[in-house]
């Protein structure tokens, strides 16, 4: 696209997303290209509901754009819960509002992980435990990770309600098998876990996480397991 077409495309996309965040009582801190950084001060449910609705709006946006010959786009959303400070930075000639917090950095890292695990929405355990009723959402545990810039491991979950309908249904159907295979993987029982992940990937071609674990099992079987491996995935990139 030309720069002008790019601006038009971005503003059109952001025009679909901004009202969803506002309606769910979110505050947009800033737009970063095609990324949106939003804060939800009241409760976790507002953030997750906003994320799910944004995914619905994304499908609508892609449908409209297809009429103009545009390829569909995808998006990933990371949600973490914690304390932060919202303030003003800058100098006399130029000031801007921003937030400073380790929690914000982790949310950004979780957004980046959506590409690796093929997830629409990834939340941290700190977010999950703040839900008043977790059963109102379909979710599954996908990994324990140490992201760049964090010393502590983080348990991460994907919200399945943000997936396309068929993918969501298949992930729900295979949730028990995925959980079993993941536990076997964490226990270093790769040869037992591998066929289960393979069956899941066969049933649901959209389940990128199952395919990722299938590759990991294969690599460990072929190359062996490091002595210090504890089942925690260390993510070096942002």
C-alpha atoms as a PDB file:
ATOM      1  CA  UNK A   1       0.000   0.000   0.000  1.00  0.00           C
ATOM      2  CA  UNK A   2       1.036   3.596  -0.471  1.00  0.00           C
ATOM      3  CA  UNK A   3       1.574   5.633   2.724  1.00  0.00           C
ATOM      4  CA  UNK A   4      -1.844   7.269   2.247  1.00  0.00           C
ATOM      5  CA  UNK A   5      -3.538   3.890   1.720  1.00  0.00           C
ATOM      6  CA  UNK A   6      -1.758   2.607   4.814  1.00  0.00           C
ATOM      7  CA  UNK A   7      -3.035   5.491   6.938  1.00  0.00           C
ATOM      8  CA  UNK A   8      -6.565   4.970   5.640  1.00  0.00           C
ATOM      9  CA  UNK A   9      -6.349   1.241   6.318  1.00  0.00           C
ATOM     10  CA  UNK A  10      -5.054   1.746   9.865  1.00  0.00           C
ATOM     11  CA  UNK A  11      -7.625   4.397  10.743  1.00  0.00           C
ATOM     12  CA  UNK A  12     -10.387   2.209   9.371  1.00  0.00           C
ATOM     13  CA  UNK A  13      -9.181  -0.750  11.459  1.00  0.00           C
ATOM     14  CA  UNK A  14      -8.715   1.316  14.616  1.00  0.00           C
ATOM     15  CA  UNK A  15     -12.149   2.813  14.069  1.00  0.00           C
ATOM     16  CA  UNK A  16     -13.601  -0.678  14.454  1.00  0.00           C
ATOM     17  CA  UNK A  17     -11.630  -1.421  17.627  1.00  0.00           C
ATOM     18  CA  UNK A  18     -11.708   1.831  19.630  1.00  0.00           C
ATOM     19  CA  UNK A  19     -15.478   1.803  20.371  1.00  0.00           C
ATOM     20  CA  UNK A  20     -15.276  -1.778  21.654  1.00  0.00           C
ATOM     21  CA  UNK A  21     -12.649  -0.799  24.220  1.00  0.00           C
ATOM     22  CA  UNK A  22     -14.571   2.317  25.253  1.00  0.00           C
ATOM     23  CA  UNK A  23     -17.887   0.464  25.635  1.00  0.00           C
ATOM     24  CA  UNK A  24     -16.158  -2.083  27.894  1.00  0.00           C
ATOM     25  CA  UNK A  25     -14.859   0.742  30.125  1.00  0.00           C
ATOM     26  CA  UNK A  26     -11.319   0.602  28.835  1.00  0.00           C
ATOM     27  CA  UNK A  27      -8.924   3.530  28.474  1.00  0.00           C
ATOM     28  CA  UNK A  28      -6.662   3.637  25.438  1.00  0.00           C
ATOM     29  CA  UNK A  29      -3.223   4.747  26.542  1.00  0.00           C
ATOM     30  CA  UNK A  30      -1.767   4.909  23.048  1.00  0.00           C
ATOM     31  CA  UNK A  31      -1.847   3.645  19.480  1.00  0.00           C
ATOM     32  CA  UNK A  32       1.437   2.120  18.332  1.00  0.00           C
ATOM     33  CA  UNK A  33       1.097   1.587  14.597  1.00  0.00           C
ATOM     34  CA  UNK A  34      -1.522  -1.124  14.324  1.00  0.00           C
ATOM     35  CA  UNK A  35      -1.210  -1.981  18.041  1.00  0.00           C
ATOM     36  CA  UNK A  36      -3.468  -0.676  20.787  1.00  0.00           C
ATOM     37  CA  UNK A  37      -2.464  -0.380  24.439  1.00  0.00           C
ATOM     38  CA  UNK A  38      -5.511  -0.241  26.679  1.00  0.00           C
ATOM     39  CA  UNK A  39      -6.049  -0.195  30.453  1.00  0.00           C
ATOM     40  CA  UNK A  40      -9.051  -1.621  32.308  1.00  0.00           C
ATOM     41  CA  UNK A  41      -9.181  -0.365  35.889  1.00  0.00           C
ATOM     42  CA  UNK A  42     -12.522  -1.769  37.064  1.00  0.00           C
ATOM     43  CA  UNK A  43     -12.266  -5.533  36.575  1.00  0.00           C
ATOM     44  CA  UNK A  44     -10.665  -8.289  34.527  1.00  0.00           C
ATOM     45  CA  UNK A  45     -13.930  -9.231  32.860  1.00  0.00           C
ATOM     46  CA  UNK A  46     -14.033  -5.893  31.023  1.00  0.00           C
ATOM     47  CA  UNK A  47     -10.640  -6.575  29.482  1.00  0.00           C
ATOM     48  CA  UNK A  48     -11.473 -10.120  28.384  1.00  0.00           C
ATOM     49  CA  UNK A  49     -14.915  -9.168  27.073  1.00  0.00           C
ATOM     50  CA  UNK A  50     -13.321  -6.358  25.101  1.00  0.00           C
ATOM     51  CA  UNK A  51     -10.743  -8.746  23.634  1.00  0.00           C
ATOM     52  CA  UNK A  52     -13.426 -11.230  22.558  1.00  0.00           C
ATOM     53  CA  UNK A  53     -15.548  -8.502  20.971  1.00  0.00           C
ATOM     54  CA  UNK A  54     -12.485  -7.087  19.188  1.00  0.00           C
ATOM     55  CA  UNK A  55     -11.964 -10.487  17.585  1.00  0.00           C
ATOM     56  CA  UNK A  56     -15.589 -10.441  16.404  1.00  0.00           C
ATOM     57  CA  UNK A  57     -15.073  -6.956  14.976  1.00  0.00           C
ATOM     58  CA  UNK A  58     -11.901  -8.173  13.257  1.00  0.00           C
ATOM     59  CA  UNK A  59     -13.954 -10.743  11.328  1.00  0.00           C
ATOM     60  CA  UNK A  60     -16.386  -7.988  10.290  1.00  0.00           C
ATOM     61  CA  UNK A  61     -13.493  -5.748   9.249  1.00  0.00           C
ATOM     62  CA  UNK A  62     -11.936  -8.497   7.128  1.00  0.00           C
ATOM     63  CA  UNK A  63     -15.271  -9.188   5.466  1.00  0.00           C
ATOM     64  CA  UNK A  64     -15.630  -5.534   4.468  1.00  0.00           C
ATOM     65  CA  UNK A  65     -12.000  -5.283   3.307  1.00  0.00           C
ATOM     66  CA  UNK A  66     -12.387  -8.390   1.141  1.00  0.00           C
ATOM     67  CA  UNK A  67     -14.879  -6.463  -0.968  1.00  0.00           C
ATOM     68  CA  UNK A  68     -12.018  -4.102  -1.857  1.00  0.00           C
ATOM     69  CA  UNK A  69      -9.620  -6.917  -2.704  1.00  0.00           C
ATOM     70  CA  UNK A  70      -7.701  -6.757   0.591  1.00  0.00           C
ATOM     71  CA  UNK A  71      -6.276  -9.895   2.163  1.00  0.00           C
ATOM     72  CA  UNK A  72      -7.564 -10.715   5.663  1.00  0.00           C
ATOM     73  CA  UNK A  73      -5.464  -9.662   8.631  1.00  0.00           C
ATOM     74  CA  UNK A  74      -5.105 -11.331  12.022  1.00  0.00           C
ATOM     75  CA  UNK A  75      -4.462  -9.994  15.501  1.00  0.00           C
ATOM     76  CA  UNK A  76      -3.343 -11.282  18.879  1.00  0.00           C
ATOM     77  CA  UNK A  77      -4.216  -9.890  22.307  1.00  0.00           C
ATOM     78  CA  UNK A  78      -2.238 -10.264  25.539  1.00  0.00           C
ATOM     79  CA  UNK A  79      -3.789  -9.518  28.937  1.00  0.00           C
ATOM     80  CA  UNK A  80      -2.029  -9.283  32.297  1.00  0.00           C
ATOM     81  CA  UNK A  81      -3.214  -7.882  35.631  1.00  0.00           C
ATOM     82  CA  UNK A  82      -1.092  -5.840  38.025  1.00  0.00           C
ATOM     83  CA  UNK A  83      -0.258  -2.417  39.405  1.00  0.00           C
ATOM     84  CA  UNK A  84       0.983   0.456  37.284  1.00  0.00           C
ATOM     85  CA  UNK A  85       1.565   4.193  37.378  1.00  0.00           C
ATOM     86  CA  UNK A  86      -0.066   6.460  34.815  1.00  0.00           C
ATOM     87  CA  UNK A  87       1.658   9.805  34.414  1.00  0.00           C
ATOM     88  CA  UNK A  88       3.127  12.465  32.166  1.00  0.00           C
ATOM     89  CA  UNK A  89       6.567  12.327  30.551  1.00  0.00           C
ATOM     90  CA  UNK A  90       8.396  14.829  28.378  1.00  0.00           C
ATOM     91  CA  UNK A  91       9.698  18.371  28.549  1.00  0.00           C
ATOM     92  CA  UNK A  92       8.469  21.906  28.252  1.00  0.00           C
ATOM     93  CA  UNK A  93       7.971  21.683  24.496  1.00  0.00           C
ATOM     94  CA  UNK A  94       6.358  18.260  24.291  1.00  0.00           C
ATOM     95  CA  UNK A  95       4.620  16.100  26.879  1.00  0.00           C
ATOM     96  CA  UNK A  96       2.687  12.885  26.622  1.00  0.00           C
ATOM     97  CA  UNK A  97       0.793  10.515  28.898  1.00  0.00           C
ATOM     98  CA  UNK A  98       2.212   7.054  29.473  1.00  0.00           C
ATOM     99  CA  UNK A  99       2.243   4.167  31.923  1.00  0.00           C
ATOM    100  CA  UNK A 100       5.259   2.643  33.634  1.00  0.00           C
ATOM    101  CA  UNK A 101       4.979  -0.859  35.050  1.00  0.00           C
ATOM    102  CA  UNK A 102       6.455  -4.319  34.857  1.00  0.00           C
ATOM    103  CA  UNK A 103       2.873  -5.540  34.420  1.00  0.00           C
ATOM    104  CA  UNK A 104       2.570  -3.556  31.181  1.00  0.00           C
ATOM    105  CA  UNK A 105       5.750  -5.115  29.811  1.00  0.00           C
ATOM    106  CA  UNK A 106       4.460  -8.616  30.546  1.00  0.00           C
ATOM    107  CA  UNK A 107       1.153  -7.904  28.794  1.00  0.00           C
ATOM    108  CA  UNK A 108       3.161  -6.868  25.737  1.00  0.00           C
ATOM    109  CA  UNK A 109       5.183 -10.094  25.896  1.00  0.00           C
ATOM    110  CA  UNK A 110       1.976 -12.155  26.099  1.00  0.00           C
ATOM    111  CA  UNK A 111       0.674 -10.421  22.988  1.00  0.00           C
ATOM    112  CA  UNK A 112       3.853 -11.493  21.207  1.00  0.00           C
ATOM    113  CA  UNK A 113       3.304 -15.110  22.281  1.00  0.00           C
ATOM    114  CA  UNK A 114      -0.033 -15.270  20.450  1.00  0.00           C
ATOM    115  CA  UNK A 115       1.929 -15.748  17.215  1.00  0.00           C
ATOM    116  CA  UNK A 116       3.973 -18.632  18.612  1.00  0.00           C
ATOM    117  CA  UNK A 117       0.995 -20.541  20.057  1.00  0.00           C
ATOM    118  CA  UNK A 118      -1.501 -19.569  17.372  1.00  0.00           C
ATOM    119  CA  UNK A 119      -3.810 -18.047  19.979  1.00  0.00           C
ATOM    120  CA  UNK A 120      -6.210 -15.155  19.600  1.00  0.00           C
ATOM    121  CA  UNK A 121      -6.090 -14.124  23.264  1.00  0.00           C
ATOM    122  CA  UNK A 122      -3.497 -15.088  25.879  1.00  0.00           C
ATOM    123  CA  UNK A 123      -3.925 -14.197  29.549  1.00  0.00           C
ATOM    124  CA  UNK A 124      -1.670 -14.669  32.571  1.00  0.00           C
ATOM    125  CA  UNK A 125      -2.549 -16.687  35.665  1.00  0.00           C
ATOM    126  CA  UNK A 126      -2.743 -13.397  37.591  1.00  0.00           C
ATOM    127  CA  UNK A 127      -5.564 -12.408  35.261  1.00  0.00           C
ATOM    128  CA  UNK A 128      -7.356 -15.760  35.467  1.00  0.00           C
ATOM    129  CA  UNK A 129      -7.460 -15.821  39.274  1.00  0.00           C
ATOM    130  CA  UNK A 130      -9.016 -12.339  39.375  1.00  0.00           C
ATOM    131  CA  UNK A 131     -12.091 -13.530  37.470  1.00  0.00           C
ATOM    132  CA  UNK A 132     -15.244 -13.732  39.583  1.00  0.00           C
ATOM    133  CA  UNK A 133     -16.470 -16.717  37.567  1.00  0.00           C
ATOM    134  CA  UNK A 134     -13.865 -18.320  35.276  1.00  0.00           C
ATOM    135  CA  UNK A 135     -16.467 -20.820  34.012  1.00  0.00           C
ATOM    136  CA  UNK A 136     -18.146 -18.062  31.979  1.00  0.00           C
ATOM    137  CA  UNK A 137     -15.253 -18.329  29.530  1.00  0.00           C
ATOM    138  CA  UNK A 138     -13.812 -21.222  27.553  1.00  0.00           C
ATOM    139  CA  UNK A 139     -10.065 -21.382  28.178  1.00  0.00           C
ATOM    140  CA  UNK A 140      -7.194 -23.834  28.352  1.00  0.00           C
ATOM    141  CA  UNK A 141      -3.747 -23.868  29.933  1.00  0.00           C
ATOM    142  CA  UNK A 142      -1.038 -23.762  27.252  1.00  0.00           C
ATOM    143  CA  UNK A 143       2.365 -23.352  28.910  1.00  0.00           C
ATOM    144  CA  UNK A 144       4.700 -22.099  31.612  1.00  0.00           C
ATOM    145  CA  UNK A 145       7.063 -19.499  30.206  1.00  0.00           C
ATOM    146  CA  UNK A 146       9.850 -17.150  31.194  1.00  0.00           C
ATOM    147  CA  UNK A 147       9.626 -14.150  28.914  1.00  0.00           C
ATOM    148  CA  UNK A 148      12.404 -11.705  28.117  1.00  0.00           C
ATOM    149  CA  UNK A 149      12.930  -9.294  30.998  1.00  0.00           C
ATOM    150  CA  UNK A 150      11.186 -11.469  33.627  1.00  0.00           C
ATOM    151  CA  UNK A 151      12.874 -13.769  36.159  1.00  0.00           C
ATOM    152  CA  UNK A 152       9.731 -15.521  37.350  1.00  0.00           C
ATOM    153  CA  UNK A 153       7.913 -18.119  35.286  1.00  0.00           C
ATOM    154  CA  UNK A 154       4.376 -17.244  34.173  1.00  0.00           C
ATOM    155  CA  UNK A 155       1.503 -19.666  33.680  1.00  0.00           C
ATOM    156  CA  UNK A 156      -0.347 -18.702  30.498  1.00  0.00           C
ATOM    157  CA  UNK A 157      -3.822 -19.574  29.238  1.00  0.00           C
ATOM    158  CA  UNK A 158      -5.632 -18.948  25.980  1.00  0.00           C
ATOM    159  CA  UNK A 159      -9.221 -17.685  25.874  1.00  0.00           C
ATOM    160  CA  UNK A 160     -10.923 -19.865  23.287  1.00  0.00           C
ATOM    161  CA  UNK A 161     -13.947 -17.569  22.905  1.00  0.00           C
ATOM    162  CA  UNK A 162     -11.831 -15.291  20.726  1.00  0.00           C
ATOM    163  CA  UNK A 163     -11.144 -18.003  18.153  1.00  0.00           C
ATOM    164  CA  UNK A 164     -13.054 -18.462  14.876  1.00  0.00           C
ATOM    165  CA  UNK A 165     -16.131 -20.580  15.609  1.00  0.00           C
ATOM    166  CA  UNK A 166     -14.959 -23.895  14.109  1.00  0.00           C
ATOM    167  CA  UNK A 167     -11.511 -23.630  15.683  1.00  0.00           C
ATOM    168  CA  UNK A 168     -13.091 -22.784  19.045  1.00  0.00           C
ATOM    169  CA  UNK A 169     -15.380 -25.818  18.885  1.00  0.00           C
ATOM    170  CA  UNK A 170     -12.526 -28.178  18.042  1.00  0.00           C
ATOM    171  CA  UNK A 171     -10.256 -26.784  20.761  1.00  0.00           C
ATOM    172  CA  UNK A 172     -13.047 -27.262  23.303  1.00  0.00           C
ATOM    173  CA  UNK A 173     -13.649 -30.829  22.073  1.00  0.00           C
ATOM    174  CA  UNK A 174      -9.958 -31.727  22.415  1.00  0.00           C
ATOM    175  CA  UNK A 175      -9.286 -29.742  25.595  1.00  0.00           C
ATOM    176  CA  UNK A 176      -9.071 -32.813  27.863  1.00  0.00           C
ATOM    177  CA  UNK A 177      -6.712 -34.620  25.494  1.00  0.00           C
ATOM    178  CA  UNK A 178      -4.564 -31.499  25.125  1.00  0.00           C
ATOM    179  CA  UNK A 179      -4.331 -31.128  28.909  1.00  0.00           C
ATOM    180  CA  UNK A 180      -3.337 -34.798  29.292  1.00  0.00           C
ATOM    181  CA  UNK A 181      -0.673 -34.571  26.583  1.00  0.00           C
ATOM    182  CA  UNK A 182       0.673 -31.342  28.049  1.00  0.00           C
ATOM    183  CA  UNK A 183       1.045 -32.948  31.473  1.00  0.00           C
ATOM    184  CA  UNK A 184       2.915 -35.881  29.913  1.00  0.00           C
ATOM    185  CA  UNK A 185       5.168 -33.408  28.096  1.00  0.00           C
ATOM    186  CA  UNK A 186       5.976 -31.540  31.309  1.00  0.00           C
ATOM    187  CA  UNK A 187       6.808 -34.927  32.910  1.00  0.00           C
ATOM    188  CA  UNK A 188       9.284 -35.642  30.078  1.00  0.00           C
ATOM    189  CA  UNK A 189       7.109 -38.462  28.725  1.00  0.00           C
ATOM    190  CA  UNK A 190       7.517 -37.212  25.169  1.00  0.00           C
ATOM    191  CA  UNK A 191       6.952 -40.526  23.397  1.00  0.00           C
ATOM    192  CA  UNK A 192       3.592 -40.920  25.134  1.00  0.00           C
ATOM    193  CA  UNK A 193       2.560 -37.301  24.607  1.00  0.00           C
ATOM    194  CA  UNK A 194       3.564 -37.137  20.947  1.00  0.00           C
ATOM    195  CA  UNK A 195       0.786 -39.332  19.451  1.00  0.00           C
ATOM    196  CA  UNK A 196      -1.846 -37.446  21.452  1.00  0.00           C
ATOM    197  CA  UNK A 197      -0.655 -34.086  20.122  1.00  0.00           C
ATOM    198  CA  UNK A 198      -0.539 -35.662  16.659  1.00  0.00           C
ATOM    199  CA  UNK A 199      -4.182 -36.781  16.934  1.00  0.00           C
ATOM    200  CA  UNK A 200      -5.232 -33.312  18.117  1.00  0.00           C
ATOM    201  CA  UNK A 201      -3.412 -31.641  15.213  1.00  0.00           C
ATOM    202  CA  UNK A 202      -5.086 -34.097  12.821  1.00  0.00           C
ATOM    203  CA  UNK A 203      -8.548 -33.318  14.213  1.00  0.00           C
ATOM    204  CA  UNK A 204      -7.940 -29.572  14.287  1.00  0.00           C
ATOM    205  CA  UNK A 205      -5.586 -28.262  11.624  1.00  0.00           C
ATOM    206  CA  UNK A 206      -5.914 -24.804  13.183  1.00  0.00           C
ATOM    207  CA  UNK A 207      -4.451 -25.886  16.537  1.00  0.00           C
ATOM    208  CA  UNK A 208      -0.992 -24.367  16.238  1.00  0.00           C
ATOM    209  CA  UNK A 209      -0.183 -25.064  19.899  1.00  0.00           C
ATOM    210  CA  UNK A 210      -0.632 -28.820  19.367  1.00  0.00           C
ATOM    211  CA  UNK A 211       1.665 -28.656  16.344  1.00  0.00           C
ATOM    212  CA  UNK A 212       4.217 -26.663  18.353  1.00  0.00           C
ATOM    213  CA  UNK A 213       4.292 -29.311  21.083  1.00  0.00           C
ATOM    214  CA  UNK A 214       4.497 -32.023  18.456  1.00  0.00           C
ATOM    215  CA  UNK A 215       7.663 -30.398  17.120  1.00  0.00           C
ATOM    216  CA  UNK A 216       9.048 -29.951  20.636  1.00  0.00           C
ATOM    217  CA  UNK A 217       8.438 -33.627  21.475  1.00  0.00           C
ATOM    218  CA  UNK A 218      10.132 -34.691  18.260  1.00  0.00           C
ATOM    219  CA  UNK A 219      13.148 -32.487  18.995  1.00  0.00           C
ATOM    220  CA  UNK A 220      13.560 -33.816  22.533  1.00  0.00           C
ATOM    221  CA  UNK A 221      13.226 -37.437  21.394  1.00  0.00           C
ATOM    222  CA  UNK A 222      15.799 -36.891  18.676  1.00  0.00           C
ATOM    223  CA  UNK A 223      18.274 -34.647  20.522  1.00  0.00           C
ATOM    224  CA  UNK A 224      17.719 -35.542  24.163  1.00  0.00           C
ATOM    225  CA  UNK A 225      16.654 -33.404  27.123  1.00  0.00           C
ATOM    226  CA  UNK A 226      19.025 -30.880  28.772  1.00  0.00           C
ATOM    227  CA  UNK A 227      19.879 -31.771  32.374  1.00  0.00           C
ATOM    228  CA  UNK A 228      18.455 -28.504  33.685  1.00  0.00           C
ATOM    229  CA  UNK A 229      15.167 -28.707  31.738  1.00  0.00           C
ATOM    230  CA  UNK A 230      12.220 -28.120  34.078  1.00  0.00           C
ATOM    231  CA  UNK A 231       9.331 -27.874  31.623  1.00  0.00           C
ATOM    232  CA  UNK A 232       9.499 -24.078  31.526  1.00  0.00           C
ATOM    233  CA  UNK A 233       9.835 -22.531  28.087  1.00  0.00           C
ATOM    234  CA  UNK A 234      12.330 -19.674  27.993  1.00  0.00           C
ATOM    235  CA  UNK A 235      11.334 -17.052  25.410  1.00  0.00           C
ATOM    236  CA  UNK A 236      14.302 -14.935  24.333  1.00  0.00           C
ATOM    237  CA  UNK A 237      12.591 -12.751  21.747  1.00  0.00           C
ATOM    238  CA  UNK A 238      10.067 -10.011  22.482  1.00  0.00           C
END
